[in-house]
């Protein structure tokens, strides 16, 4: 499972982050919910922020709450559930 999320910042800059299973797992742990309950703006921003931090490779990043304040728009690409099927078959 992966999801592309394009963020538009107040500055006009845009960035696209790809949320992968580890980002969704972090969301599950932080919210004590199953991925089947994933919905809403906060959930999308949470996994986008997780992906941003992962892509930053250890460089300092803003906290989720501060980062969210700079966002004016969010666009979500299509889901890619095929990634899960490929991972499962690779483990078989």
C-alpha atoms as a PDB file:
ATOM      1  CA  UNK A   1       0.000   0.000   0.000  1.00  0.00           C
ATOM      2  CA  UNK A   2       1.296   3.410  -0.881  1.00  0.00           C
ATOM      3  CA  UNK A   3      -0.347   6.779  -1.283  1.00  0.00           C
ATOM      4  CA  UNK A   4       1.043   9.923  -2.912  1.00  0.00           C
ATOM      5  CA  UNK A   5       0.105  13.118  -1.115  1.00  0.00           C
ATOM      6  CA  UNK A   6       0.842  16.541  -2.611  1.00  0.00           C
ATOM      7  CA  UNK A   7       1.048  19.392  -0.143  1.00  0.00           C
ATOM      8  CA  UNK A   8       0.747  23.063  -1.092  1.00  0.00           C
ATOM      9  CA  UNK A   9       2.300  25.417   1.438  1.00  0.00           C
ATOM     10  CA  UNK A  10       1.272  29.010   2.194  1.00  0.00           C
ATOM     11  CA  UNK A  11       4.442  30.104   0.386  1.00  0.00           C
ATOM     12  CA  UNK A  12       3.100  28.544  -2.821  1.00  0.00           C
ATOM     13  CA  UNK A  13       5.682  25.759  -2.780  1.00  0.00           C
ATOM     14  CA  UNK A  14       4.482  22.219  -3.391  1.00  0.00           C
ATOM     15  CA  UNK A  15       5.905  18.893  -2.306  1.00  0.00           C
ATOM     16  CA  UNK A  16       4.735  15.353  -2.982  1.00  0.00           C
ATOM     17  CA  UNK A  17       5.339  12.705  -0.361  1.00  0.00           C
ATOM     18  CA  UNK A  18       4.792   8.981  -0.801  1.00  0.00           C
ATOM     19  CA  UNK A  19       3.336   7.314   2.286  1.00  0.00           C
ATOM     20  CA  UNK A  20       4.400   3.669   2.590  1.00  0.00           C
ATOM     21  CA  UNK A  21       3.375   0.927   5.058  1.00  0.00           C
ATOM     22  CA  UNK A  22       5.737   2.167   7.821  1.00  0.00           C
ATOM     23  CA  UNK A  23       3.983   5.559   7.740  1.00  0.00           C
ATOM     24  CA  UNK A  24       0.573   3.903   8.091  1.00  0.00           C
ATOM     25  CA  UNK A  25       1.912   1.670  10.885  1.00  0.00           C
ATOM     26  CA  UNK A  26       3.074   4.777  12.767  1.00  0.00           C
ATOM     27  CA  UNK A  27      -0.426   6.216  12.334  1.00  0.00           C
ATOM     28  CA  UNK A  28      -1.948   3.005  13.744  1.00  0.00           C
ATOM     29  CA  UNK A  29       0.370   3.051  16.760  1.00  0.00           C
ATOM     30  CA  UNK A  30      -0.178   6.753  17.463  1.00  0.00           C
ATOM     31  CA  UNK A  31      -3.966   6.564  17.144  1.00  0.00           C
ATOM     32  CA  UNK A  32      -4.567   3.053  18.487  1.00  0.00           C
ATOM     33  CA  UNK A  33      -6.775   2.345  15.467  1.00  0.00           C
ATOM     34  CA  UNK A  34      -6.791  -0.146  12.619  1.00  0.00           C
ATOM     35  CA  UNK A  35      -5.950   1.010   9.094  1.00  0.00           C
ATOM     36  CA  UNK A  36      -9.586   0.251   8.229  1.00  0.00           C
ATOM     37  CA  UNK A  37     -10.476   3.324  10.309  1.00  0.00           C
ATOM     38  CA  UNK A  38      -8.128   5.592   8.315  1.00  0.00           C
ATOM     39  CA  UNK A  39     -10.053   8.640   7.107  1.00  0.00           C
ATOM     40  CA  UNK A  40     -10.048  12.380   7.426  1.00  0.00           C
ATOM     41  CA  UNK A  41      -7.695  15.281   6.992  1.00  0.00           C
ATOM     42  CA  UNK A  42      -5.665  14.687  10.163  1.00  0.00           C
ATOM     43  CA  UNK A  43      -4.952  11.104   9.136  1.00  0.00           C
ATOM     44  CA  UNK A  44      -3.702  12.195   5.698  1.00  0.00           C
ATOM     45  CA  UNK A  45      -1.544  14.930   7.190  1.00  0.00           C
ATOM     46  CA  UNK A  46      -0.152  12.518   9.787  1.00  0.00           C
ATOM     47  CA  UNK A  47       1.073  10.004   7.185  1.00  0.00           C
ATOM     48  CA  UNK A  48       2.330  12.793   4.889  1.00  0.00           C
ATOM     49  CA  UNK A  49       4.325  14.227   7.796  1.00  0.00           C
ATOM     50  CA  UNK A  50       5.693  10.777   8.597  1.00  0.00           C
ATOM     51  CA  UNK A  51       6.748  10.349   4.954  1.00  0.00           C
ATOM     52  CA  UNK A  52       8.326  13.819   4.943  1.00  0.00           C
ATOM     53  CA  UNK A  53      10.363  12.987   8.055  1.00  0.00           C
ATOM     54  CA  UNK A  54      11.473   9.656   6.565  1.00  0.00           C
ATOM     55  CA  UNK A  55      12.514  11.347   3.312  1.00  0.00           C
ATOM     56  CA  UNK A  56      14.428  14.003   5.275  1.00  0.00           C
ATOM     57  CA  UNK A  57      16.865  11.253   6.294  1.00  0.00           C
ATOM     58  CA  UNK A  58      17.492  12.479   9.820  1.00  0.00           C
ATOM     59  CA  UNK A  59      17.588  16.187   9.022  1.00  0.00           C
ATOM     60  CA  UNK A  60      15.604  18.368  11.451  1.00  0.00           C
ATOM     61  CA  UNK A  61      11.903  18.742  10.578  1.00  0.00           C
ATOM     62  CA  UNK A  62       9.034  20.711  12.075  1.00  0.00           C
ATOM     63  CA  UNK A  63       6.650  18.988  14.467  1.00  0.00           C
ATOM     64  CA  UNK A  64       3.349  17.840  12.977  1.00  0.00           C
ATOM     65  CA  UNK A  65       1.367  20.619  14.650  1.00  0.00           C
ATOM     66  CA  UNK A  66       3.666  23.406  13.444  1.00  0.00           C
ATOM     67  CA  UNK A  67       4.037  21.869   9.968  1.00  0.00           C
ATOM     68  CA  UNK A  68       0.237  21.656   9.534  1.00  0.00           C
ATOM     69  CA  UNK A  69      -0.101  25.401  10.113  1.00  0.00           C
ATOM     70  CA  UNK A  70       1.856  26.119   6.900  1.00  0.00           C
ATOM     71  CA  UNK A  71      -0.410  24.012   4.636  1.00  0.00           C
ATOM     72  CA  UNK A  72      -3.105  25.563   2.420  1.00  0.00           C
ATOM     73  CA  UNK A  73      -4.050  22.575   0.235  1.00  0.00           C
ATOM     74  CA  UNK A  74      -3.658  18.818   0.035  1.00  0.00           C
ATOM     75  CA  UNK A  75      -4.204  16.504  -2.929  1.00  0.00           C
ATOM     76  CA  UNK A  76      -4.233  12.748  -2.628  1.00  0.00           C
ATOM     77  CA  UNK A  77      -3.222  10.501  -5.487  1.00  0.00           C
ATOM     78  CA  UNK A  78      -4.853   7.169  -6.169  1.00  0.00           C
ATOM     79  CA  UNK A  79      -4.242   4.282  -3.799  1.00  0.00           C
ATOM     80  CA  UNK A  80      -1.847   1.573  -4.825  1.00  0.00           C
ATOM     81  CA  UNK A  81      -3.086  -1.557  -3.038  1.00  0.00           C
ATOM     82  CA  UNK A  82      -1.042  -3.663  -5.477  1.00  0.00           C
ATOM     83  CA  UNK A  83       2.019  -2.978  -3.324  1.00  0.00           C
ATOM     84  CA  UNK A  84       0.552  -5.070  -0.525  1.00  0.00           C
ATOM     85  CA  UNK A  85      -0.227  -7.971  -2.861  1.00  0.00           C
ATOM     86  CA  UNK A  86       3.342  -7.914  -4.174  1.00  0.00           C
ATOM     87  CA  UNK A  87       4.761  -7.854  -0.641  1.00  0.00           C
ATOM     88  CA  UNK A  88       2.578 -10.763   0.467  1.00  0.00           C
ATOM     89  CA  UNK A  89       3.509 -12.886  -2.528  1.00  0.00           C
ATOM     90  CA  UNK A  90       7.190 -12.078  -1.976  1.00  0.00           C
ATOM     91  CA  UNK A  91       6.912 -13.407   1.590  1.00  0.00           C
ATOM     92  CA  UNK A  92       5.268 -16.655   0.452  1.00  0.00           C
END
